Protein backbone atom coordinates (compact mmCIF):
# COMPACT_ATOMS: atom_id res chain seq x y z
CA MET A 1 -4.58 30.54 -11.90
CA THR A 2 -7.82 29.88 -11.89
CA ILE A 3 -9.49 25.88 -11.32
CA LEU A 4 -13.32 26.48 -12.02
CA ASN A 5 -14.55 28.75 -14.39
CA ARG A 6 -18.25 30.06 -13.72
CA THR A 7 -20.00 26.88 -15.52
CA GLY A 8 -18.55 24.87 -12.76
CA ALA A 9 -15.96 23.20 -15.03
CA PHE A 10 -12.49 23.74 -14.90
CA ASP A 11 -11.13 26.22 -17.09
CA ARG A 12 -10.22 24.62 -20.50
CA THR A 13 -6.92 27.36 -20.54
CA ARG A 14 -4.44 25.13 -19.85
CA PRO A 15 -1.12 26.51 -18.45
CA SER A 16 2.27 26.61 -19.62
CA GLY A 17 3.93 23.23 -18.24
CA LEU A 18 0.87 21.68 -17.63
CA PRO A 19 1.17 17.71 -19.00
CA ARG A 20 -0.72 17.08 -22.19
CA GLY A 21 -1.17 13.89 -20.38
CA GLY A 22 -4.27 15.76 -18.48
CA SER A 23 -3.83 16.31 -14.82
CA MET A 24 -4.00 13.49 -11.70
CA LEU A 25 -3.92 15.97 -9.07
CA TYR A 26 -7.34 16.80 -10.89
CA VAL A 27 -8.98 14.18 -11.02
CA ALA A 28 -7.55 13.09 -7.63
CA LEU A 29 -9.49 16.06 -6.06
CA LEU A 30 -12.75 14.99 -8.07
CA THR A 31 -12.84 11.91 -6.90
CA PHE A 32 -11.39 12.81 -2.96
CA VAL A 33 -14.87 15.43 -2.65
CA ALA A 34 -17.32 12.21 -4.77
CA ALA A 35 -15.34 9.51 -2.21
CA LEU A 36 -16.83 11.81 0.80
CA GLY A 37 -20.20 10.54 0.09
CA GLY A 38 -18.57 6.90 0.51
CA LEU A 39 -17.13 8.65 3.40
CA LEU A 40 -20.40 9.29 4.86
CA PHE A 41 -21.74 5.84 3.35
CA GLY A 42 -19.70 3.76 5.81
CA TYR A 43 -20.27 6.36 8.59
CA ASP A 44 -23.65 6.73 8.65
CA THR A 45 -23.83 2.91 8.02
CA ALA A 46 -21.36 1.63 10.90
CA VAL A 47 -22.16 4.35 13.35
CA ILE A 48 -24.74 1.25 14.65
CA SER A 49 -22.06 -0.77 15.79
CA GLY A 50 -21.32 1.42 18.71
CA THR A 51 -24.62 2.42 19.93
CA ILE A 52 -26.62 -0.88 19.51
CA GLY A 53 -26.33 -2.31 22.66
CA PHE A 54 -27.00 0.89 24.28
CA LEU A 55 -30.38 1.20 22.61
CA GLU A 56 -30.80 -2.34 23.61
CA THR A 57 -30.61 -1.67 26.71
CA ARG A 58 -32.63 2.25 26.46
CA PHE A 59 -35.47 0.99 25.01
CA ASP A 60 -35.94 -2.68 25.66
CA LEU A 61 -35.89 -4.03 22.45
CA ASN A 62 -36.42 -7.59 21.54
CA GLU A 63 -34.28 -9.07 18.59
CA ILE A 64 -36.89 -8.41 16.43
CA GLU A 65 -37.01 -4.90 17.54
CA LYS A 66 -33.22 -4.56 17.76
CA GLY A 67 -32.23 -6.10 14.03
CA TRP A 68 -35.13 -2.94 12.74
CA ALA A 69 -33.33 -0.56 14.66
CA ALA A 70 -29.36 -1.44 12.79
CA SER A 71 -31.26 -2.30 9.54
CA SER A 72 -34.47 0.47 9.43
CA ALA A 73 -31.57 2.62 7.76
CA LEU A 74 -31.25 -0.22 5.05
CA VAL A 75 -35.38 0.72 4.29
CA GLY A 76 -34.00 4.32 2.92
CA CYS A 77 -30.82 3.16 1.14
CA ILE A 78 -33.39 0.84 -0.55
CA ALA A 79 -35.48 3.92 -1.92
CA GLY A 80 -32.29 6.05 -2.70
CA ALA A 81 -31.07 3.78 -4.55
CA ALA A 82 -34.00 3.34 -5.88
CA VAL A 83 -34.33 7.15 -7.72
CA ALA A 84 -30.56 8.08 -7.64
CA GLY A 85 -30.52 6.58 -11.38
CA VAL A 86 -33.40 8.37 -12.33
CA LEU A 87 -32.61 11.38 -10.56
CA SER A 88 -29.04 11.53 -11.84
CA ASP A 89 -30.13 10.78 -15.31
CA ARG A 90 -32.10 13.91 -15.54
CA LEU A 91 -30.45 16.29 -12.70
CA GLY A 92 -26.58 15.11 -13.51
CA ARG A 93 -25.01 12.97 -10.87
CA LYS A 94 -23.62 16.35 -8.77
CA ARG A 95 -26.93 17.36 -8.01
CA VAL A 96 -28.22 14.56 -6.54
CA LEU A 97 -25.13 14.03 -4.20
CA LEU A 98 -26.03 17.62 -3.10
CA ILE A 99 -29.63 16.22 -1.99
CA SER A 100 -27.70 13.46 -0.45
CA ALA A 101 -25.50 15.06 1.29
CA VAL A 102 -28.66 17.05 3.24
CA LEU A 103 -30.44 13.57 3.84
CA PHE A 104 -26.84 12.87 5.79
CA ALA A 105 -27.24 16.33 8.43
CA VAL A 106 -30.73 16.25 8.67
CA SER A 107 -30.55 12.43 9.37
CA ALA A 108 -27.56 12.89 11.99
CA ILE A 109 -29.45 14.97 14.12
CA GLY A 110 -32.70 13.55 14.03
CA SER A 111 -30.67 10.05 14.60
CA ALA A 112 -29.71 12.54 17.80
CA LEU A 113 -32.97 13.26 19.56
CA PRO A 114 -35.37 10.13 19.51
CA ARG A 115 -37.21 9.67 22.24
CA ASN A 116 -38.69 6.17 21.30
CA LEU A 117 -37.62 3.56 18.47
CA ASP A 118 -40.06 4.94 15.97
CA GLU A 119 -38.58 8.27 15.96
CA LEU A 120 -35.46 6.76 15.94
CA ALA A 121 -36.03 4.27 13.02
CA LEU A 122 -37.67 7.75 11.16
CA ALA A 123 -34.39 9.70 11.27
CA ARG A 124 -32.40 6.71 10.21
CA ILE A 125 -34.62 6.13 7.18
CA VAL A 126 -34.24 9.36 5.88
CA GLY A 127 -30.55 8.99 6.17
CA GLY A 128 -30.88 5.64 4.39
CA VAL A 129 -31.91 7.98 1.52
CA GLY A 130 -28.87 9.33 1.42
CA VAL A 131 -26.14 6.53 1.95
CA GLY A 132 -28.62 5.03 -0.84
CA MET A 133 -27.91 8.02 -3.48
CA ALA A 134 -24.53 8.22 -2.34
CA SER A 135 -23.49 4.52 -2.55
CA MET A 136 -24.57 4.78 -6.29
CA LEU A 137 -23.14 8.22 -6.98
CA SER A 138 -19.73 8.22 -5.92
CA PRO A 139 -18.59 5.15 -7.55
CA LEU A 140 -20.53 6.31 -10.92
CA TYR A 141 -19.07 9.60 -10.97
CA ILE A 142 -15.69 8.98 -10.36
CA ALA A 143 -16.23 6.25 -12.82
CA GLU A 144 -17.24 8.99 -15.49
CA VAL A 145 -14.46 11.42 -14.65
CA SER A 146 -11.47 8.84 -14.51
CA PRO A 147 -8.93 7.94 -17.29
CA ALA A 148 -9.22 4.27 -18.37
CA ARG A 149 -5.18 3.41 -16.99
CA ALA A 150 -6.57 4.26 -13.58
CA ARG A 151 -10.31 4.14 -13.59
CA GLY A 152 -10.22 1.11 -11.05
CA ARG A 153 -7.96 2.34 -8.35
CA LEU A 154 -10.17 5.34 -8.38
CA VAL A 155 -13.69 3.84 -7.86
CA SER A 156 -11.51 2.15 -5.52
CA VAL A 157 -10.72 4.65 -3.59
CA ASN A 158 -14.82 5.72 -2.97
CA GLN A 159 -14.49 2.25 -1.10
CA PHE A 160 -11.70 3.36 0.66
CA ALA A 161 -13.69 6.10 1.93
CA ILE A 162 -15.99 3.55 3.07
CA VAL A 163 -13.99 1.64 5.05
CA ALA A 164 -12.51 4.88 6.51
CA GLY A 165 -15.78 6.61 7.46
CA MET A 166 -15.96 3.35 9.36
CA LEU A 167 -12.84 3.76 10.65
CA VAL A 168 -13.38 7.14 12.11
CA VAL A 169 -16.46 6.00 13.24
CA TYR A 170 -15.37 3.55 15.28
CA PHE A 171 -13.08 5.43 16.97
CA VAL A 172 -15.40 8.23 17.99
CA ASN A 173 -17.82 5.69 19.40
CA ALA A 174 -15.27 4.24 21.27
CA VAL A 175 -14.16 7.66 22.58
CA ILE A 176 -17.17 9.03 23.40
CA ALA A 177 -18.06 5.29 25.16
CA ALA A 178 -14.79 5.87 27.42
CA LEU A 179 -16.62 9.33 28.82
CA GLY A 180 -18.67 7.66 31.14
CA ASP A 181 -20.37 4.48 32.49
CA GLU A 182 -22.45 1.98 31.03
CA ALA A 183 -25.80 4.17 32.70
CA TRP A 184 -24.12 7.34 31.01
CA ASN A 185 -23.82 5.33 27.51
CA VAL A 186 -27.87 4.19 27.83
CA ALA A 187 -28.90 6.93 28.52
CA ARG A 188 -26.97 9.97 26.76
CA GLY A 189 -23.30 8.48 24.72
CA TRP A 190 -25.24 7.00 22.11
CA ARG A 191 -27.15 10.41 21.00
CA TRP A 192 -23.24 12.07 20.59
CA MET A 193 -22.25 8.85 18.35
CA PHE A 194 -25.29 9.49 15.94
CA GLY A 195 -24.87 13.50 16.18
CA SER A 196 -21.13 13.51 15.27
CA GLU A 197 -21.95 12.65 11.77
CA THR A 198 -23.18 16.03 10.94
CA LEU A 199 -19.70 17.46 10.84
CA PRO A 200 -19.06 15.11 7.88
CA ALA A 201 -21.92 15.48 6.06
CA MET A 202 -21.38 19.95 6.31
CA LEU A 203 -18.18 19.04 4.36
CA PHE A 204 -19.21 17.09 2.12
CA LEU A 205 -21.92 19.47 1.40
CA GLY A 206 -19.79 22.34 1.22
CA LEU A 207 -17.15 21.01 -1.03
CA LEU A 208 -20.20 19.53 -3.68
CA PHE A 209 -20.55 23.36 -4.31
CA PHE A 210 -16.58 23.22 -6.00
CA VAL A 211 -16.62 19.94 -8.73
CA PRO A 212 -18.00 20.28 -12.30
CA GLU A 213 -21.08 18.11 -13.35
CA SER A 214 -19.66 14.22 -14.87
CA PRO A 215 -18.58 14.79 -18.50
CA ARG A 216 -21.11 11.89 -19.74
CA PHE A 217 -23.72 13.55 -18.40
CA LEU A 218 -22.67 16.81 -20.07
CA ALA A 219 -22.40 15.44 -23.19
CA LYS A 220 -25.92 13.64 -23.53
CA GLN A 221 -27.40 16.98 -21.92
CA GLY A 222 -25.63 18.35 -24.96
CA ARG A 223 -23.44 20.45 -22.86
CA GLU A 224 -20.25 19.89 -24.65
CA HIS A 225 -18.38 22.35 -24.84
CA GLU A 226 -18.19 22.10 -20.81
CA ALA A 227 -17.52 17.72 -21.44
CA LEU A 228 -14.89 18.76 -23.46
CA ALA A 229 -13.53 21.07 -20.40
CA VAL A 230 -13.41 18.53 -17.57
CA LEU A 231 -12.60 15.91 -19.81
CA ASP A 232 -9.14 17.90 -21.52
CA ARG A 233 -8.24 18.40 -17.75
CA ALA A 234 -8.68 14.74 -17.15
CA VAL A 235 -7.06 12.83 -19.58
CA GLY A 236 -5.62 15.96 -21.51
CA PRO A 237 -6.19 17.77 -25.53
CA ASP A 238 -4.51 14.76 -26.72
CA ARG A 239 -7.44 12.43 -25.91
CA ALA A 240 -10.34 14.84 -24.81
CA GLU A 241 -11.63 15.21 -28.18
CA ALA A 242 -11.20 11.48 -29.20
CA GLU A 243 -13.07 10.84 -25.62
CA LEU A 244 -15.80 12.98 -26.74
CA GLU A 245 -16.13 11.38 -30.11
CA ASP A 246 -16.74 7.68 -28.48
CA ILE A 247 -19.27 9.68 -26.23
CA ARG A 248 -21.07 11.10 -28.82
CA THR A 249 -20.74 7.67 -30.32
CA THR A 250 -22.42 5.36 -27.52
CA ILE A 251 -24.92 8.08 -26.78
CA ALA A 252 -26.42 7.83 -30.23
CA GLN A 253 -26.63 4.08 -30.32
CA GLU A 254 -28.67 3.89 -26.84
CA GLY A 255 -31.94 4.61 -26.33
CA GLY A 256 -33.15 6.21 -22.78
CA SER A 257 -35.27 3.74 -21.43
CA VAL A 258 -34.39 1.56 -18.37
CA LEU A 259 -36.12 -0.92 -20.44
CA GLN A 260 -33.60 -1.49 -22.67
CA VAL A 261 -30.86 -3.34 -20.56
CA LEU A 262 -33.21 -5.89 -20.40
CA ALA A 263 -32.84 -6.28 -24.36
CA PRO A 264 -30.86 -9.65 -25.20
CA GLY A 265 -27.22 -7.71 -25.54
CA TRP A 266 -27.52 -6.48 -21.82
CA ARG A 267 -29.07 -9.13 -19.75
CA VAL A 268 -25.32 -10.80 -19.54
CA PRO A 269 -24.07 -7.32 -17.73
CA LEU A 270 -27.46 -6.91 -15.18
CA LEU A 271 -27.33 -10.38 -14.53
CA ILE A 272 -23.13 -10.11 -13.43
CA ALA A 273 -24.30 -6.73 -11.51
CA VAL A 274 -27.18 -8.16 -9.77
CA GLY A 275 -25.48 -11.21 -8.76
CA LEU A 276 -22.52 -9.01 -7.57
CA ALA A 277 -24.47 -6.95 -5.34
CA ILE A 278 -26.66 -9.89 -3.87
CA LEU A 279 -23.30 -11.77 -3.23
CA GLN A 280 -21.70 -9.16 -1.67
CA GLN A 281 -24.27 -9.03 1.20
CA VAL A 282 -25.20 -12.32 1.16
CA THR A 283 -21.61 -13.42 2.10
CA GLY A 284 -22.09 -12.15 5.78
CA ILE A 285 -20.10 -8.74 5.46
CA ASN A 286 -22.48 -6.51 7.38
CA THR A 287 -23.02 -9.15 9.70
CA VAL A 288 -19.72 -8.34 10.99
CA LEU A 289 -19.60 -4.42 10.60
CA TYR A 290 -22.87 -3.97 12.13
CA TYR A 291 -22.59 -6.53 15.36
CA ALA A 292 -19.55 -6.77 15.96
CA PRO A 293 -19.27 -5.82 19.62
CA GLU A 294 -22.34 -8.03 20.17
CA ILE A 295 -20.29 -10.97 18.45
CA PHE A 296 -17.26 -9.76 20.76
CA LYS A 297 -19.44 -9.47 23.81
CA SER A 298 -20.79 -12.67 22.93
CA THR A 299 -17.30 -14.45 23.63
CA GLY A 300 -16.93 -12.67 27.26
CA GLN A 301 -15.80 -9.36 26.31
CA ARG A 302 -17.40 -6.24 28.21
CA ALA A 303 -19.26 -3.75 26.47
CA THR A 304 -16.37 -1.11 25.89
CA GLU A 305 -14.00 -3.54 25.51
CA ALA A 306 -16.08 -4.53 22.43
CA ILE A 307 -16.64 -1.43 21.03
CA ASN A 308 -13.03 -1.02 21.07
CA ALA A 309 -11.81 -4.68 19.59
CA THR A 310 -13.83 -2.88 16.76
CA VAL A 311 -11.51 -0.26 15.82
CA LEU A 312 -9.38 -3.28 15.11
CA VAL A 313 -11.76 -4.55 12.68
CA GLY A 314 -12.16 -0.78 11.18
CA LEU A 315 -8.01 -0.56 11.01
CA VAL A 316 -7.85 -4.04 8.99
CA ASN A 317 -10.61 -3.46 6.87
CA ILE A 318 -8.71 0.75 5.50
CA LEU A 319 -5.41 -1.58 5.68
CA PHE A 320 -6.05 -4.31 2.99
CA THR A 321 -9.11 -1.67 1.16
CA ILE A 322 -5.55 0.33 0.33
CA VAL A 323 -4.08 -3.49 -0.98
CA ALA A 324 -7.02 -3.48 -3.31
CA ILE A 325 -6.23 -0.27 -4.21
CA TRP A 326 -3.20 -1.29 -5.23
CA VAL A 327 -3.74 -4.10 -7.05
CA VAL A 328 -7.26 -3.89 -8.91
CA ASP A 329 -6.01 -2.29 -12.50
CA ARG A 330 -2.29 -4.49 -12.08
CA ILE A 331 -3.93 -8.07 -11.34
CA GLY A 332 -7.67 -7.89 -12.98
CA ARG A 333 -11.15 -7.90 -11.13
CA LYS A 334 -11.68 -11.68 -11.73
CA PRO A 335 -8.90 -12.78 -9.51
CA LEU A 336 -8.92 -10.86 -6.68
CA LEU A 337 -13.00 -11.41 -6.15
CA MET A 338 -12.29 -15.60 -6.79
CA VAL A 339 -9.07 -14.93 -3.45
CA ALA A 340 -12.00 -12.78 -1.67
CA SER A 341 -14.18 -15.39 -1.91
CA ALA A 342 -12.44 -18.48 -1.00
CA GLY A 343 -10.92 -16.51 1.65
CA MET A 344 -13.90 -15.32 3.22
CA GLY A 345 -15.52 -18.73 3.11
CA VAL A 346 -12.81 -20.58 4.85
CA SER A 347 -13.09 -17.91 7.96
CA LEU A 348 -17.00 -18.60 8.25
CA PHE A 349 -16.33 -22.13 8.11
CA VAL A 350 -14.08 -22.44 10.95
CA MET A 351 -15.87 -20.09 12.67
CA GLY A 352 -19.16 -21.98 12.75
CA GLY A 353 -16.99 -24.64 13.09
CA ALA A 354 -15.36 -23.00 16.73
CA PHE A 355 -18.92 -21.78 17.31
CA LEU A 356 -20.66 -25.48 17.63
CA ALA A 357 -17.39 -27.10 19.43
CA GLN A 358 -17.87 -24.45 21.98
CA ARG A 359 -14.66 -22.75 21.29
CA PHE A 360 -16.23 -18.94 20.40
CA GLN A 361 -13.89 -17.03 22.68
CA GLY A 362 -10.68 -15.67 23.03
CA PRO A 363 -8.34 -14.10 20.44
CA TRP A 364 -9.12 -16.91 17.90
CA VAL A 365 -12.82 -14.90 16.69
CA LEU A 366 -11.27 -11.67 16.83
CA LEU A 367 -8.42 -13.32 14.26
CA LEU A 368 -11.17 -15.06 12.37
CA VAL A 369 -13.20 -11.78 11.98
CA LEU A 370 -10.00 -10.04 10.72
CA ILE A 371 -9.60 -12.73 8.54
CA TYR A 372 -12.32 -12.23 6.96
CA VAL A 373 -12.80 -8.75 6.69
CA ALA A 374 -9.45 -8.71 4.96
CA SER A 375 -10.83 -11.12 2.72
CA PHE A 376 -13.80 -8.68 2.02
CA ALA A 377 -12.08 -5.68 2.33
CA VAL A 378 -9.15 -6.65 -0.82
CA ALA A 379 -11.62 -7.47 -3.65
CA MET A 380 -15.74 -8.16 -2.99
CA GLY A 381 -15.68 -4.53 -1.03
CA PRO A 382 -14.18 -2.41 -3.88
CA VAL A 383 -14.16 -4.57 -6.81
CA VAL A 384 -18.13 -5.21 -7.03
CA TRP A 385 -18.63 -1.50 -7.06
CA VAL A 386 -15.88 -0.90 -9.62
CA ILE A 387 -17.35 -3.81 -12.18
CA MET A 388 -20.98 -1.93 -11.34
CA ALA A 389 -19.84 1.66 -12.35
CA GLU A 390 -18.38 0.09 -15.73
CA ILE A 391 -20.20 -2.31 -17.31
CA PHE A 392 -23.39 -0.52 -18.38
CA PRO A 393 -23.73 2.13 -21.29
CA THR A 394 -23.81 6.14 -20.32
CA ARG A 395 -27.28 6.68 -21.57
CA ILE A 396 -28.54 3.71 -19.58
CA ARG A 397 -25.72 3.67 -16.73
CA GLY A 398 -27.28 5.86 -13.81
CA ARG A 399 -30.78 3.52 -14.64
CA ALA A 400 -29.06 0.13 -14.61
CA MET A 401 -26.80 0.87 -11.72
CA SER A 402 -30.25 2.09 -9.67
CA ILE A 403 -31.62 -1.54 -10.40
CA ALA A 404 -28.25 -3.04 -9.18
CA THR A 405 -27.76 -1.22 -6.19
CA VAL A 406 -31.56 -1.73 -4.84
CA VAL A 407 -30.61 -5.06 -5.08
CA LEU A 408 -27.36 -4.47 -3.17
CA TRP A 409 -29.53 -2.85 -0.46
CA ILE A 410 -32.23 -5.08 -0.51
CA SER A 411 -30.11 -8.17 0.28
CA CYS A 412 -27.99 -5.84 3.33
CA TYR A 413 -31.44 -5.25 4.86
CA VAL A 414 -32.64 -8.86 4.30
CA VAL A 415 -29.00 -9.77 6.19
CA SER A 416 -29.26 -7.60 9.02
CA GLN A 417 -32.55 -8.21 10.06
CA THR A 418 -32.50 -11.39 9.95
CA PHE A 419 -28.75 -12.16 12.00
CA PRO A 420 -29.70 -11.14 15.64
CA LEU A 421 -32.59 -14.21 14.62
CA MET A 422 -30.21 -16.21 13.08
CA LEU A 423 -27.44 -16.34 15.56
CA ALA A 424 -30.08 -17.14 18.41
CA ARG A 425 -31.86 -20.01 16.45
CA LEU A 426 -29.03 -21.56 14.61
CA GLY A 427 -25.87 -19.96 16.66
CA GLY A 428 -22.74 -20.90 14.89
CA GLY A 429 -25.10 -22.54 11.52
CA ALA A 430 -25.45 -18.93 11.06
CA PHE A 431 -21.64 -18.98 9.87
CA PHE A 432 -22.13 -21.71 7.51
CA VAL A 433 -25.20 -20.06 5.50
CA TYR A 434 -22.69 -17.28 4.82
CA GLY A 435 -20.20 -19.61 4.20
CA ALA A 436 -22.12 -22.00 1.56
CA MET A 437 -22.50 -18.18 -0.28
CA CYS A 438 -18.90 -17.41 -0.39
CA VAL A 439 -18.93 -20.56 -2.43
CA VAL A 440 -21.64 -19.40 -5.14
CA ALA A 441 -19.67 -16.33 -5.27
CA PHE A 442 -16.63 -18.18 -6.56
CA VAL A 443 -18.07 -20.24 -8.78
CA PHE A 444 -20.01 -17.41 -9.68
CA VAL A 445 -17.41 -15.39 -10.73
CA GLY A 446 -15.15 -18.25 -12.02
CA VAL A 447 -17.63 -18.69 -14.71
CA LEU A 448 -19.79 -15.61 -15.87
CA LEU A 449 -17.33 -12.47 -14.59
CA PRO A 450 -15.94 -10.57 -18.08
CA GLU A 451 -11.85 -8.66 -17.33
CA THR A 452 -12.15 -5.01 -17.48
CA LYS A 453 -9.18 -3.77 -16.37
CA GLY A 454 -8.01 -1.34 -18.33
CA LYS A 455 -10.24 -0.94 -21.06
CA THR A 456 -12.49 2.44 -21.55
CA LEU A 457 -16.24 2.53 -20.59
CA GLU A 458 -17.09 2.72 -24.94
CA GLU A 459 -14.43 0.13 -25.06
CA ILE A 460 -16.68 -2.36 -22.22
CA GLU A 461 -19.83 -1.38 -23.78
CA ARG A 462 -18.75 -2.13 -27.24
CA GLY A 463 -17.13 -5.31 -26.80
CA TRP A 464 -20.96 -6.44 -25.09
CA GLN A 465 -22.53 -5.19 -28.56
CA ARG A 466 -20.14 -6.59 -30.53
CA VAL A 467 -20.66 -9.66 -28.79
CA GLY A 468 -23.97 -10.03 -28.21
CA PRO A 469 -24.87 -12.16 -24.95
CA SER A 470 -21.18 -13.25 -24.37
CA ARG A 471 -18.55 -11.63 -23.24
CA PRO A 472 -16.67 -8.16 -23.95
């Protein structure tokens, strides 16, 4: 059976026996390919956790330089997210994802070969641009090809891919670190850790050539026959025409300027998206994901033991992301986020207290870190991306989501750059700061966030238009 036609869209000719409700296998294949961008997002950002200690010794880094080595990629993330929206609205989601795949591969090679910190930072920034693009476009693409009944689960697959990428690189780092002693890892091991990203980057690049463009982008470009072909396979012929008509209607009512997202009817969804983007980061997740080995070393573990403990963090992260995928379209976005904020806050406050009481050692630290990561993974990680991908209108979704994603990466950069200094100056007080941000997140979600589970993107948009600055 021919799957792709020459336009790159799946052939609309319906084989006998294909369910009239659409093919979830087809949607799952598109989701898998797009989510590889998320996997590389996780791989690229988390690879630093295994290398940072060896880089500190190799390049004799002080605390500010150590923060720069860990966070330089995030400068690229900010730039990538800033241009991804405009580029995706002009070139299409698929083409910009292809660009991001190339940048991942270039960065992997460049990060393995630097002679000094400046060359490493430049290579990491290049990869960061790819991360910034993929972080916005992978969930957006998945949201735009998914049926409403499964959109939350499918967009959450991207978060699963992110944490899977982190887990994979934690294993890769541990395996590479075990190949030699401390001196070998300082001299060469970290180079192999960075260079290992080349393989998944090339896989992502190759598979992207076999998926179609987003149906909502195709419709916006007047390529309705191709859009209908994708929708037909995704939701079935009984729904495809109706969804295409919904898309036509919403596009006709929208302007193309990014300034429209600042209009009175869209200020609340913008506030929600930007607020959640900030809170996802300032609640401290990357202090664990980037610096976990350093945290564990502060409890007395050796470097290789700390890297091995980080693998357990990755396993818990991926396990509870699977839980999130299972329940996000059943329980809903809002209750999950409130539970996550509470769990993260409690674990951080206890962690800070243990640090101040000079009991920051042994298995208790690992347990608290795992509770914190589990709470984040069940909602604050995946659900924030789901909401950001679904609350804006089609015409400006790329630009609007770009704004929120830029803010997210700026927040991530600030947290990652300042954590080594905060930990050195404040000790356990750093964890209290992040815990207080979890309290803010709990209140923010409880007061402002509407529930969007089970609604099509067009229904969410009409809800904002109908009630103006209140809720859909």
